[in-house]
Amino acid sequence: MDISQNNGLNDKKTALYRDYDIDGNLLYIGVSSDAIQRTREHLQSARWFKHAANMTAECRSQSRTGSTS
């Protein structure tokens, strides 16, 4: 393999997200490669999710070694 070409191997995108209640209290911190699907899962099964009023998210690239930037 030509190591000068990335070919997308090191470009896995993840989202670091935080959920807050109506008063701004932190309810949950998560990291997911599919934050929308993960939010749907929380909606179905997480007891705290009914209290969530706001979510923030930061998109990041994750290398194959697991470090984020």
PDB file of N, CA and C in Angstrom:
ATOM      1  N   MET A   1       0.850  -1.179   0.000  1.00  0.00           N
ATOM      2  CA  MET A   1       0.000   0.000   0.000  1.00  0.00           C
ATOM      3  C   MET A   1       0.892   1.237   0.000  1.00  0.00           C
ATOM      4  N   ASP A   2       0.518   2.245  -0.769  1.00  0.00           N
ATOM      5  CA  ASP A   2       1.221   3.520  -0.827  1.00  0.00           C
ATOM      6  C   ASP A   2       0.832   4.341   0.397  1.00  0.00           C
ATOM      7  N   ILE A   3       1.763   4.525   1.346  1.00  0.00           N
ATOM      8  CA  ILE A   3       1.434   5.233   2.583  1.00  0.00           C
ATOM      9  C   ILE A   3       1.274   6.734   2.385  1.00  0.00           C
ATOM     10  N   SER A   4       1.596   7.242   1.202  1.00  0.00           N
ATOM     11  CA  SER A   4       1.404   8.667   0.937  1.00  0.00           C
ATOM     12  C   SER A   4      -0.054   8.996   0.668  1.00  0.00           C
ATOM     13  N   GLN A   5      -0.849   7.969   0.404  1.00  0.00           N
ATOM     14  CA  GLN A   5      -2.281   8.167   0.172  1.00  0.00           C
ATOM     15  C   GLN A   5      -3.061   7.695   1.385  1.00  0.00           C
ATOM     16  N   ASN A   6      -3.947   8.552   1.872  1.00  0.00           N
ATOM     17  CA  ASN A   6      -4.726   8.252   3.070  1.00  0.00           C
ATOM     18  C   ASN A   6      -5.810   7.224   2.778  1.00  0.00           C
ATOM     19  N   ASN A   7      -6.481   7.331   1.654  1.00  0.00           N
ATOM     20  CA  ASN A   7      -7.583   6.438   1.274  1.00  0.00           C
ATOM     21  C   ASN A   7      -8.691   6.366   2.305  1.00  0.00           C
ATOM     22  N   GLY A   8      -8.777   7.367   3.184  1.00  0.00           N
ATOM     23  CA  GLY A   8      -9.845   7.405   4.169  1.00  0.00           C
ATOM     24  C   GLY A   8      -9.649   6.504   5.367  1.00  0.00           C
ATOM     25  N   LEU A   9      -8.540   5.797   5.448  1.00  0.00           N
ATOM     26  CA  LEU A   9      -8.340   4.850   6.545  1.00  0.00           C
ATOM     27  C   LEU A   9      -8.247   5.528   7.904  1.00  0.00           C
ATOM     28  N   ASN A  10      -7.769   6.755   7.947  1.00  0.00           N
ATOM     29  CA  ASN A  10      -7.579   7.440   9.219  1.00  0.00           C
ATOM     30  C   ASN A  10      -8.640   8.502   9.483  1.00  0.00           C
ATOM     31  N   ASP A  11      -9.702   8.526   8.721  1.00  0.00           N
ATOM     32  CA  ASP A  11     -10.657   9.630   8.783  1.00  0.00           C
ATOM     33  C   ASP A  11     -12.014   9.246   9.357  1.00  0.00           C
ATOM     34  N   LYS A  12     -12.052   8.350  10.302  1.00  0.00           N
ATOM     35  CA  LYS A  12     -13.321   8.000  10.932  1.00  0.00           C
ATOM     36  C   LYS A  12     -13.813   9.193  11.747  1.00  0.00           C
ATOM     37  N   LYS A  13     -15.013   9.637  11.463  1.00  0.00           N
ATOM     38  CA  LYS A  13     -15.577  10.788  12.157  1.00  0.00           C
ATOM     39  C   LYS A  13     -16.359  10.318  13.371  1.00  0.00           C
ATOM     40  N   THR A  14     -16.178  11.037  14.458  1.00  0.00           N
ATOM     41  CA  THR A  14     -16.947  10.772  15.667  1.00  0.00           C
ATOM     42  C   THR A  14     -17.523  12.084  16.175  1.00  0.00           C
ATOM     43  N   ALA A  15     -18.508  11.976  17.022  1.00  0.00           N
ATOM     44  CA  ALA A  15     -19.088  13.162  17.658  1.00  0.00           C
ATOM     45  C   ALA A  15     -19.009  12.976  19.168  1.00  0.00           C
ATOM     46  N   LEU A  16     -18.517  13.995  19.829  1.00  0.00           N
ATOM     47  CA  LEU A  16     -18.553  14.076  21.286  1.00  0.00           C
ATOM     48  C   LEU A  16     -19.773  14.911  21.610  1.00  0.00           C
ATOM     49  N   TYR A  17     -20.727  14.341  22.339  1.00  0.00           N
ATOM     50  CA  TYR A  17     -21.971  15.072  22.593  1.00  0.00           C
ATOM     51  C   TYR A  17     -22.316  15.095  24.067  1.00  0.00           C
ATOM     52  N   ARG A  18     -23.020  16.148  24.440  1.00  0.00           N
ATOM     53  CA  ARG A  18     -23.442  16.337  25.833  1.00  0.00           C
ATOM     54  C   ARG A  18     -24.932  16.667  25.850  1.00  0.00           C
ATOM     55  N   ASP A  19     -25.646  16.043  26.746  1.00  0.00           N
ATOM     56  CA  ASP A  19     -27.078  16.316  26.925  1.00  0.00           C
ATOM     57  C   ASP A  19     -27.292  17.023  28.257  1.00  0.00           C
ATOM     58  N   TYR A  20     -28.147  18.052  28.228  1.00  0.00           N
ATOM     59  CA  TYR A  20     -28.432  18.874  29.412  1.00  0.00           C
ATOM     60  C   TYR A  20     -29.930  18.918  29.677  1.00  0.00           C
ATOM     61  N   ASP A  21     -30.292  19.121  30.941  1.00  0.00           N
ATOM     62  CA  ASP A  21     -31.706  19.312  31.269  1.00  0.00           C
ATOM     63  C   ASP A  21     -32.087  20.781  31.074  1.00  0.00           C
ATOM     64  N   ILE A  22     -33.334  21.134  31.375  1.00  0.00           N
ATOM     65  CA  ILE A  22     -33.859  22.476  31.156  1.00  0.00           C
ATOM     66  C   ILE A  22     -33.103  23.543  31.952  1.00  0.00           C
ATOM     67  N   ASP A  23     -32.499  23.148  33.078  1.00  0.00           N
ATOM     68  CA  ASP A  23     -31.753  24.088  33.919  1.00  0.00           C
ATOM     69  C   ASP A  23     -30.272  24.159  33.554  1.00  0.00           C
ATOM     70  N   GLY A  24     -29.869  23.424  32.539  1.00  0.00           N
ATOM     71  CA  GLY A  24     -28.471  23.433  32.118  1.00  0.00           C
ATOM     72  C   GLY A  24     -27.591  22.428  32.832  1.00  0.00           C
ATOM     73  N   ASN A  25     -28.189  21.547  33.612  1.00  0.00           N
ATOM     74  CA  ASN A  25     -27.420  20.504  34.299  1.00  0.00           C
ATOM     75  C   ASN A  25     -27.036  19.402  33.311  1.00  0.00           C
ATOM     76  N   LEU A  26     -25.788  18.991  33.366  1.00  0.00           N
ATOM     77  CA  LEU A  26     -25.293  17.937  32.490  1.00  0.00           C
ATOM     78  C   LEU A  26     -25.931  16.603  32.864  1.00  0.00           C
ATOM     79  N   LEU A  27     -26.527  15.952  31.880  1.00  0.00           N
ATOM     80  CA  LEU A  27     -27.147  14.644  32.105  1.00  0.00           C
ATOM     81  C   LEU A  27     -26.273  13.500  31.593  1.00  0.00           C
ATOM     82  N   TYR A  28     -25.577  13.739  30.482  1.00  0.00           N
ATOM     83  CA  TYR A  28     -24.885  12.630  29.825  1.00  0.00           C
ATOM     84  C   TYR A  28     -23.804  13.167  28.899  1.00  0.00           C
ATOM     85  N   ILE A  29     -22.685  12.465  28.831  1.00  0.00           N
ATOM     86  CA  ILE A  29     -21.629  12.733  27.857  1.00  0.00           C
ATOM     87  C   ILE A  29     -21.420  11.448  27.077  1.00  0.00           C
ATOM     88  N   GLY A  30     -21.370  11.552  25.757  1.00  0.00           N
ATOM     89  CA  GLY A  30     -21.166  10.373  24.937  1.00  0.00           C
ATOM     90  C   GLY A  30     -20.294  10.663  23.733  1.00  0.00           C
ATOM     91  N   VAL A  31     -19.770   9.600  23.139  1.00  0.00           N
ATOM     92  CA  VAL A  31     -19.006   9.665  21.901  1.00  0.00           C
ATOM     93  C   VAL A  31     -19.571   8.596  20.986  1.00  0.00           C
ATOM     94  N   SER A  32     -19.837   8.971  19.744  1.00  0.00           N
ATOM     95  CA  SER A  32     -20.420   8.012  18.816  1.00  0.00           C
ATOM     96  C   SER A  32     -20.004   8.342  17.391  1.00  0.00           C
ATOM     97  N   SER A  33     -19.894   7.316  16.569  1.00  0.00           N
ATOM     98  CA  SER A  33     -19.646   7.528  15.150  1.00  0.00           C
ATOM     99  C   SER A  33     -20.954   7.827  14.417  1.00  0.00           C
ATOM    100  N   ASP A  34     -22.089   7.638  15.092  1.00  0.00           N
ATOM    101  CA  ASP A  34     -23.404   7.962  14.525  1.00  0.00           C
ATOM    102  C   ASP A  34     -24.271   8.545  15.649  1.00  0.00           C
ATOM    103  N   ALA A  35     -24.078   9.839  15.906  1.00  0.00           N
ATOM    104  CA  ALA A  35     -24.756  10.485  17.034  1.00  0.00           C
ATOM    105  C   ALA A  35     -26.271  10.500  16.871  1.00  0.00           C
ATOM    106  N   ILE A  36     -26.756  10.600  15.653  1.00  0.00           N
ATOM    107  CA  ILE A  36     -28.212  10.606  15.442  1.00  0.00           C
ATOM    108  C   ILE A  36     -28.805   9.259  15.830  1.00  0.00           C
ATOM    109  N   GLN A  37     -28.187   8.168  15.383  1.00  0.00           N
ATOM    110  CA  GLN A  37     -28.679   6.836  15.744  1.00  0.00           C
ATOM    111  C   GLN A  37     -28.548   6.608  17.251  1.00  0.00           C
ATOM    112  N   ARG A  38     -27.451   7.063  17.820  1.00  0.00           N
ATOM    113  CA  ARG A  38     -27.260   6.887  19.263  1.00  0.00           C
ATOM    114  C   ARG A  38     -28.314   7.651  20.053  1.00  0.00           C
ATOM    115  N   THR A  39     -28.695   8.840  19.579  1.00  0.00           N
ATOM    116  CA  THR A  39     -29.759   9.608  20.222  1.00  0.00           C
ATOM    117  C   THR A  39     -31.081   8.856  20.154  1.00  0.00           C
ATOM    118  N   ARG A  40     -31.358   8.238  19.032  1.00  0.00           N
ATOM    119  CA  ARG A  40     -32.579   7.414  18.909  1.00  0.00           C
ATOM    120  C   ARG A  40     -32.572   6.271  19.925  1.00  0.00           C
ATOM    121  N   GLU A  41     -31.399   5.665  20.117  1.00  0.00           N
ATOM    122  CA  GLU A  41     -31.288   4.579  21.098  1.00  0.00           C
ATOM    123  C   GLU A  41     -31.530   5.098  22.516  1.00  0.00           C
ATOM    124  N   HIS A  42     -30.987   6.275  22.817  1.00  0.00           N
ATOM    125  CA  HIS A  42     -31.229   6.872  24.136  1.00  0.00           C
ATOM    126  C   HIS A  42     -32.727   7.141  24.329  1.00  0.00           C
ATOM    127  N   LEU A  43     -33.361   7.636  23.302  1.00  0.00           N
ATOM    128  CA  LEU A  43     -34.804   7.919  23.360  1.00  0.00           C
ATOM    129  C   LEU A  43     -35.589   6.666  23.748  1.00  0.00           C
ATOM    130  N   GLN A  44     -35.177   5.531  23.236  1.00  0.00           N
ATOM    131  CA  GLN A  44     -35.883   4.276  23.493  1.00  0.00           C
ATOM    132  C   GLN A  44     -35.562   3.655  24.854  1.00  0.00           C
ATOM    133  N   SER A  45     -34.337   3.879  25.374  1.00  0.00           N
ATOM    134  CA  SER A  45     -33.944   3.080  26.533  1.00  0.00           C
ATOM    135  C   SER A  45     -33.351   3.830  27.726  1.00  0.00           C
ATOM    136  N   ALA A  46     -32.955   5.078  27.560  1.00  0.00           N
ATOM    137  CA  ALA A  46     -32.296   5.781  28.659  1.00  0.00           C
ATOM    138  C   ALA A  46     -33.309   6.517  29.529  1.00  0.00           C
ATOM    139  N   ARG A  47     -33.289   6.239  30.817  1.00  0.00           N
ATOM    140  CA  ARG A  47     -34.230   6.880  31.740  1.00  0.00           C
ATOM    141  C   ARG A  47     -34.042   8.390  31.797  1.00  0.00           C
ATOM    142  N   TRP A  48     -32.801   8.851  31.698  1.00  0.00           N
ATOM    143  CA  TRP A  48     -32.503  10.282  31.802  1.00  0.00           C
ATOM    144  C   TRP A  48     -32.975  11.065  30.592  1.00  0.00           C
ATOM    145  N   PHE A  49     -33.182  10.396  29.446  1.00  0.00           N
ATOM    146  CA  PHE A  49     -33.430  11.114  28.198  1.00  0.00           C
ATOM    147  C   PHE A  49     -34.710  11.953  28.233  1.00  0.00           C
ATOM    148  N   LYS A  50     -35.702  11.545  29.006  1.00  0.00           N
ATOM    149  CA  LYS A  50     -36.949  12.322  29.088  1.00  0.00           C
ATOM    150  C   LYS A  50     -36.718  13.694  29.701  1.00  0.00           C
ATOM    151  N   HIS A  51     -35.588  13.880  30.385  1.00  0.00           N
ATOM    152  CA  HIS A  51     -35.253  15.165  30.993  1.00  0.00           C
ATOM    153  C   HIS A  51     -34.365  16.032  30.102  1.00  0.00           C
ATOM    154  N   ALA A  52     -33.913  15.487  28.986  1.00  0.00           N
ATOM    155  CA  ALA A  52     -33.000  16.214  28.099  1.00  0.00           C
ATOM    156  C   ALA A  52     -33.732  17.339  27.380  1.00  0.00           C
ATOM    157  N   ALA A  53     -33.147  18.540  27.443  1.00  0.00           N
ATOM    158  CA  ALA A  53     -33.731  19.706  26.786  1.00  0.00           C
ATOM    159  C   ALA A  53     -32.791  20.309  25.754  1.00  0.00           C
ATOM    160  N   ASN A  54     -31.497  20.015  25.871  1.00  0.00           N
ATOM    161  CA  ASN A  54     -30.511  20.608  24.977  1.00  0.00           C
ATOM    162  C   ASN A  54     -29.355  19.629  24.785  1.00  0.00           C
ATOM    163  N   MET A  55     -28.796  19.635  23.571  1.00  0.00           N
ATOM    164  CA  MET A  55     -27.641  18.793  23.277  1.00  0.00           C
ATOM    165  C   MET A  55     -26.619  19.623  22.515  1.00  0.00           C
ATOM    166  N   THR A  56     -25.357  19.474  22.875  1.00  0.00           N
ATOM    167  CA  THR A  56     -24.273  20.072  22.101  1.00  0.00           C
ATOM    168  C   THR A  56     -23.440  18.941  21.525  1.00  0.00           C
ATOM    169  N   ALA A  57     -22.807  19.183  20.379  1.00  0.00           N
ATOM    170  CA  ALA A  57     -21.984  18.149  19.750  1.00  0.00           C
ATOM    171  C   ALA A  57     -20.769  18.783  19.099  1.00  0.00           C
ATOM    172  N   GLU A  58     -19.666  18.069  19.175  1.00  0.00           N
ATOM    173  CA  GLU A  58     -18.427  18.449  18.506  1.00  0.00           C
ATOM    174  C   GLU A  58     -18.022  17.304  17.602  1.00  0.00           C
ATOM    175  N   CYS A  59     -17.842  17.581  16.319  1.00  0.00           N
ATOM    176  CA  CYS A  59     -17.391  16.556  15.379  1.00  0.00           C
ATOM    177  C   CYS A  59     -15.876  16.502  15.394  1.00  0.00           C
ATOM    178  N   ARG A  60     -15.352  15.296  15.372  1.00  0.00           N
ATOM    179  CA  ARG A  60     -13.908  15.082  15.421  1.00  0.00           C
ATOM    180  C   ARG A  60     -13.506  13.995  14.446  1.00  0.00           C
ATOM    181  N   SER A  61     -12.259  14.041  14.015  1.00  0.00           N
ATOM    182  CA  SER A  61     -11.666  12.953  13.236  1.00  0.00           C
ATOM    183  C   SER A  61     -10.939  12.055  14.207  1.00  0.00           C
ATOM    184  N   GLN A  62     -11.053  10.778  14.005  1.00  0.00           N
ATOM    185  CA  GLN A  62     -10.386   9.828  14.890  1.00  0.00           C
ATOM    186  C   GLN A  62      -9.415   9.009  14.057  1.00  0.00           C
ATOM    187  N   SER A  63      -8.184   8.958  14.483  1.00  0.00           N
ATOM    188  CA  SER A  63      -7.185   8.169  13.766  1.00  0.00           C
ATOM    189  C   SER A  63      -7.349   6.703  14.115  1.00  0.00           C
ATOM    190  N   ARG A  64      -6.664   5.858  13.396  1.00  0.00           N
ATOM    191  CA  ARG A  64      -6.731   4.423  13.663  1.00  0.00           C
ATOM    192  C   ARG A  64      -6.175   4.085  15.029  1.00  0.00           C
ATOM    193  N   THR A  65      -5.373   4.946  15.601  1.00  0.00           N
ATOM    194  CA  THR A  65      -4.803   4.672  16.925  1.00  0.00           C
ATOM    195  C   THR A  65      -5.756   5.067  18.037  1.00  0.00           C
ATOM    196  N   GLY A  66      -6.849   5.768  17.678  1.00  0.00           N
ATOM    197  CA  GLY A  66      -7.836   6.102  18.675  1.00  0.00           C
ATOM    198  C   GLY A  66      -7.726   7.508  19.193  1.00  0.00           C
ATOM    199  N   SER A  67      -6.684   8.259  18.837  1.00  0.00           N
ATOM    200  CA  SER A  67      -6.577   9.631  19.313  1.00  0.00           C
ATOM    201  C   SER A  67      -7.494  10.525  18.491  1.00  0.00           C
ATOM    202  N   THR A  68      -7.962  11.601  19.110  1.00  0.00           N
ATOM    203  CA  THR A  68      -8.867  12.514  18.416  1.00  0.00           C
ATOM    204  C   THR A  68      -8.208  13.866  18.240  1.00  0.00           C
ATOM    205  N   SER A  69      -8.715  14.602  17.264  1.00  0.00           N
ATOM    206  CA  SER A  69      -8.199  15.952  17.043  1.00  0.00           C
ATOM    207  C   SER A  69      -9.326  16.898  16.772  1.00  0.00           C
TER     208      SER A  69
END
